[in-house]
């Protein structure tokens, strides 16, 4: 998709210190594409080894594009979604 420079990437901000794996899985999306989001709002839940984490909206805006759906695996640093700032 073009226009990524105008959007903010959603990733796992803090990887668990004790995690041996560099991979995780998306468990559940709380927010759907096209929805308005507020900075700090929980967008989805991911699981890394035996730890479940909420992934938070990095800015106020609109959740434009979910890149990794529920049950999708991802690696550390992968983009999970994109948010267009308000």
N, C-alpha and C. Protein backbone atom coordinates (compact mmCIF):
# COMPACT_ATOMS: atom_id res chain seq x y z
N UNK A 1 0.83 -1.19 0.00
CA UNK A 1 0.00 0.00 0.00
C UNK A 1 0.87 1.24 0.00
N UNK A 2 0.49 2.24 -0.72
CA UNK A 2 1.24 3.49 -0.72
C UNK A 2 0.75 4.37 0.42
N UNK A 3 1.54 5.39 0.73
CA UNK A 3 1.12 6.33 1.75
C UNK A 3 1.50 5.91 3.16
N UNK A 4 2.39 4.92 3.31
CA UNK A 4 2.79 4.49 4.64
C UNK A 4 3.46 5.61 5.42
N UNK A 5 4.05 6.59 4.74
CA UNK A 5 4.71 7.70 5.42
C UNK A 5 3.72 8.52 6.23
N UNK A 6 2.44 8.50 5.86
CA UNK A 6 1.42 9.25 6.57
C UNK A 6 0.77 8.43 7.68
N UNK A 7 1.14 7.17 7.81
CA UNK A 7 0.51 6.30 8.78
C UNK A 7 1.53 5.87 9.84
N UNK A 8 1.01 5.41 10.97
CA UNK A 8 1.87 4.98 12.07
C UNK A 8 1.74 3.47 12.22
N UNK A 9 2.87 2.82 12.31
CA UNK A 9 2.94 1.38 12.41
C UNK A 9 2.53 0.91 13.82
N UNK A 10 1.78 -0.18 13.87
CA UNK A 10 1.42 -0.81 15.14
C UNK A 10 2.27 -2.07 15.27
N UNK A 11 3.07 -2.13 16.34
CA UNK A 11 3.91 -3.29 16.62
C UNK A 11 3.80 -3.62 18.11
N UNK A 12 4.42 -4.71 18.53
CA UNK A 12 4.51 -5.02 19.95
C UNK A 12 5.61 -4.11 20.52
N UNK A 13 5.21 -3.15 21.34
CA UNK A 13 6.15 -2.13 21.84
C UNK A 13 7.20 -2.70 22.78
N UNK A 14 6.78 -3.58 23.67
CA UNK A 14 7.72 -4.12 24.64
C UNK A 14 7.65 -5.64 24.64
N UNK A 15 8.73 -6.25 24.16
CA UNK A 15 8.83 -7.71 24.13
C UNK A 15 9.20 -8.18 25.53
N UNK A 16 8.60 -9.27 26.02
CA UNK A 16 8.94 -9.76 27.36
C UNK A 16 10.44 -10.05 27.49
N UNK A 17 11.05 -9.55 28.56
CA UNK A 17 12.49 -9.74 28.77
C UNK A 17 12.89 -11.19 28.85
N UNK A 18 12.03 -12.03 29.41
CA UNK A 18 12.39 -13.43 29.62
C UNK A 18 11.95 -14.34 28.47
N UNK A 19 11.49 -13.77 27.38
CA UNK A 19 11.03 -14.58 26.24
C UNK A 19 12.23 -15.13 25.47
N UNK A 20 12.23 -16.43 25.26
CA UNK A 20 13.28 -17.08 24.48
C UNK A 20 12.98 -17.00 22.98
N UNK A 21 11.71 -16.80 22.64
CA UNK A 21 11.27 -16.79 21.26
C UNK A 21 11.21 -15.37 20.70
N UNK A 22 11.45 -15.24 19.42
CA UNK A 22 11.27 -13.97 18.71
C UNK A 22 10.01 -13.99 17.88
N UNK A 23 9.08 -14.90 18.22
CA UNK A 23 7.82 -15.01 17.49
C UNK A 23 6.64 -15.02 18.45
N UNK A 24 5.50 -14.58 17.94
CA UNK A 24 4.26 -14.57 18.71
C UNK A 24 3.09 -14.86 17.79
N UNK A 25 1.89 -14.81 18.37
CA UNK A 25 0.67 -15.03 17.59
C UNK A 25 -0.38 -14.01 18.03
N UNK A 26 -1.15 -13.50 17.06
CA UNK A 26 -2.26 -12.60 17.37
C UNK A 26 -3.41 -13.46 17.89
N UNK A 27 -3.89 -13.14 19.10
CA UNK A 27 -4.97 -13.91 19.71
C UNK A 27 -6.32 -13.34 19.33
N UNK A 28 -6.48 -12.02 19.46
CA UNK A 28 -7.79 -11.40 19.29
C UNK A 28 -7.63 -9.92 18.97
N UNK A 29 -8.39 -9.45 17.99
CA UNK A 29 -8.47 -8.01 17.71
C UNK A 29 -9.69 -7.45 18.44
N UNK A 30 -9.48 -6.40 19.23
CA UNK A 30 -10.57 -5.72 19.94
C UNK A 30 -11.19 -4.63 19.07
N UNK A 31 -10.44 -4.16 18.08
CA UNK A 31 -10.85 -3.06 17.23
C UNK A 31 -10.85 -3.52 15.78
N UNK A 32 -11.79 -3.07 15.01
CA UNK A 32 -11.91 -3.46 13.60
C UNK A 32 -11.37 -2.35 12.69
N UNK A 33 -10.99 -2.74 11.49
CA UNK A 33 -10.52 -1.75 10.51
C UNK A 33 -11.58 -0.68 10.31
N UNK A 34 -11.11 0.56 10.20
CA UNK A 34 -12.01 1.69 9.98
C UNK A 34 -12.49 2.35 11.26
N UNK A 35 -12.21 1.74 12.40
CA UNK A 35 -12.66 2.29 13.68
C UNK A 35 -11.72 3.39 14.17
N UNK A 36 -12.27 4.37 14.85
CA UNK A 36 -11.47 5.40 15.50
C UNK A 36 -10.81 4.80 16.73
N UNK A 37 -9.55 5.19 16.97
CA UNK A 37 -8.81 4.71 18.13
C UNK A 37 -8.19 5.88 18.86
N UNK A 38 -7.95 5.67 20.14
CA UNK A 38 -7.33 6.68 20.99
C UNK A 38 -5.96 6.17 21.43
N UNK A 39 -4.97 7.04 21.44
CA UNK A 39 -3.64 6.63 21.88
C UNK A 39 -3.72 5.91 23.22
N UNK A 40 -3.08 4.76 23.31
CA UNK A 40 -3.07 3.97 24.53
C UNK A 40 -4.20 2.96 24.64
N UNK A 41 -5.15 3.02 23.70
CA UNK A 41 -6.27 2.06 23.68
C UNK A 41 -5.78 0.68 23.25
N UNK A 42 -6.30 -0.37 23.88
CA UNK A 42 -5.95 -1.73 23.50
C UNK A 42 -6.56 -2.07 22.15
N UNK A 43 -5.70 -2.42 21.19
CA UNK A 43 -6.16 -2.78 19.86
C UNK A 43 -6.32 -4.28 19.69
N UNK A 44 -5.36 -5.03 20.25
CA UNK A 44 -5.40 -6.48 20.11
C UNK A 44 -4.62 -7.14 21.24
N UNK A 45 -4.81 -8.44 21.34
CA UNK A 45 -4.08 -9.24 22.30
C UNK A 45 -3.16 -10.17 21.52
N UNK A 46 -1.92 -10.27 21.96
CA UNK A 46 -0.97 -11.19 21.35
C UNK A 46 -0.42 -12.12 22.43
N UNK A 47 0.07 -13.26 22.00
CA UNK A 47 0.69 -14.19 22.93
C UNK A 47 2.11 -14.46 22.46
N UNK A 48 3.04 -14.31 23.39
CA UNK A 48 4.45 -14.59 23.14
C UNK A 48 4.85 -15.62 24.20
N UNK A 49 5.14 -16.81 23.73
CA UNK A 49 5.33 -17.95 24.61
C UNK A 49 4.09 -18.08 25.50
N UNK A 50 4.24 -17.97 26.81
CA UNK A 50 3.08 -18.13 27.70
C UNK A 50 2.58 -16.79 28.24
N UNK A 51 3.01 -15.69 27.63
CA UNK A 51 2.65 -14.36 28.08
C UNK A 51 1.67 -13.73 27.09
N UNK A 52 0.54 -13.24 27.61
CA UNK A 52 -0.42 -12.50 26.78
C UNK A 52 -0.22 -11.01 27.03
N UNK A 53 -0.19 -10.25 25.94
CA UNK A 53 0.03 -8.80 26.03
C UNK A 53 -1.02 -8.08 25.21
N UNK A 54 -1.43 -6.90 25.66
CA UNK A 54 -2.26 -6.02 24.86
C UNK A 54 -1.35 -5.13 24.03
N UNK A 55 -1.68 -4.96 22.77
CA UNK A 55 -0.97 -4.04 21.89
C UNK A 55 -1.80 -2.76 21.84
N UNK A 56 -1.15 -1.62 22.14
CA UNK A 56 -1.85 -0.35 22.28
C UNK A 56 -1.73 0.52 21.04
N UNK A 57 -2.73 1.35 20.84
CA UNK A 57 -2.70 2.31 19.73
C UNK A 57 -1.57 3.32 20.00
N UNK A 58 -0.71 3.54 19.01
CA UNK A 58 0.41 4.46 19.20
C UNK A 58 0.01 5.93 19.13
N UNK A 59 -1.13 6.21 18.48
CA UNK A 59 -1.62 7.60 18.31
C UNK A 59 -3.14 7.59 18.21
N UNK A 60 -3.74 8.76 18.36
CA UNK A 60 -5.16 8.92 18.04
C UNK A 60 -5.32 8.85 16.53
N UNK A 61 -6.38 8.21 16.07
CA UNK A 61 -6.60 8.15 14.63
C UNK A 61 -7.58 7.08 14.24
N UNK A 62 -7.36 6.51 13.05
CA UNK A 62 -8.22 5.47 12.50
C UNK A 62 -7.38 4.23 12.22
N UNK A 63 -7.86 3.07 12.68
CA UNK A 63 -7.19 1.81 12.38
C UNK A 63 -7.47 1.49 10.92
N UNK A 64 -6.47 1.70 10.07
CA UNK A 64 -6.65 1.58 8.63
C UNK A 64 -6.51 0.17 8.09
N UNK A 65 -5.50 -0.52 8.54
CA UNK A 65 -5.14 -1.76 7.87
C UNK A 65 -4.59 -2.75 8.89
N UNK A 66 -5.30 -3.85 9.10
CA UNK A 66 -4.81 -4.93 9.95
C UNK A 66 -4.00 -5.86 9.06
N UNK A 67 -2.71 -5.95 9.33
CA UNK A 67 -1.79 -6.74 8.52
C UNK A 67 -1.76 -8.20 8.97
N UNK A 68 -1.80 -8.41 10.29
CA UNK A 68 -1.79 -9.75 10.87
C UNK A 68 -3.13 -10.00 11.54
N UNK A 69 -3.90 -10.95 11.03
CA UNK A 69 -5.21 -11.27 11.58
C UNK A 69 -5.11 -12.22 12.77
N UNK A 70 -6.26 -12.55 13.33
CA UNK A 70 -6.31 -13.47 14.46
C UNK A 70 -5.73 -14.82 14.05
N UNK A 71 -4.95 -15.39 14.94
CA UNK A 71 -4.25 -16.66 14.75
C UNK A 71 -3.03 -16.56 13.84
N UNK A 72 -2.72 -15.36 13.33
CA UNK A 72 -1.53 -15.20 12.49
C UNK A 72 -0.29 -15.10 13.38
N UNK A 73 0.78 -15.74 12.94
CA UNK A 73 2.06 -15.62 13.62
C UNK A 73 2.78 -14.38 13.12
N UNK A 74 3.68 -13.85 13.97
CA UNK A 74 4.48 -12.70 13.60
C UNK A 74 5.82 -12.80 14.31
N UNK A 75 6.80 -12.09 13.79
CA UNK A 75 8.13 -12.05 14.39
C UNK A 75 8.32 -10.71 15.09
N UNK A 76 9.26 -10.69 16.01
CA UNK A 76 9.58 -9.44 16.73
C UNK A 76 9.83 -8.32 15.71
N UNK A 77 9.16 -7.20 15.91
CA UNK A 77 9.33 -6.05 15.03
C UNK A 77 8.40 -6.01 13.84
N UNK A 78 7.66 -7.10 13.58
CA UNK A 78 6.72 -7.11 12.45
C UNK A 78 5.60 -6.10 12.67
N UNK A 79 5.09 -5.56 11.58
CA UNK A 79 3.94 -4.68 11.61
C UNK A 79 2.67 -5.51 11.79
N UNK A 80 1.85 -5.14 12.77
CA UNK A 80 0.58 -5.82 12.99
C UNK A 80 -0.56 -5.08 12.30
N UNK A 81 -0.44 -3.75 12.24
CA UNK A 81 -1.49 -2.92 11.64
C UNK A 81 -0.92 -1.53 11.39
N UNK A 82 -1.76 -0.70 10.76
CA UNK A 82 -1.41 0.71 10.51
C UNK A 82 -2.54 1.60 11.02
N UNK A 83 -2.15 2.74 11.60
CA UNK A 83 -3.10 3.74 12.07
C UNK A 83 -2.83 5.05 11.35
N UNK A 84 -3.88 5.68 10.80
CA UNK A 84 -3.76 7.02 10.24
C UNK A 84 -4.04 8.02 11.35
N UNK A 85 -3.08 8.88 11.64
CA UNK A 85 -3.28 9.84 12.74
C UNK A 85 -4.47 10.77 12.47
N UNK A 86 -5.10 11.19 13.58
CA UNK A 86 -6.25 12.10 13.49
C UNK A 86 -5.77 13.49 13.12
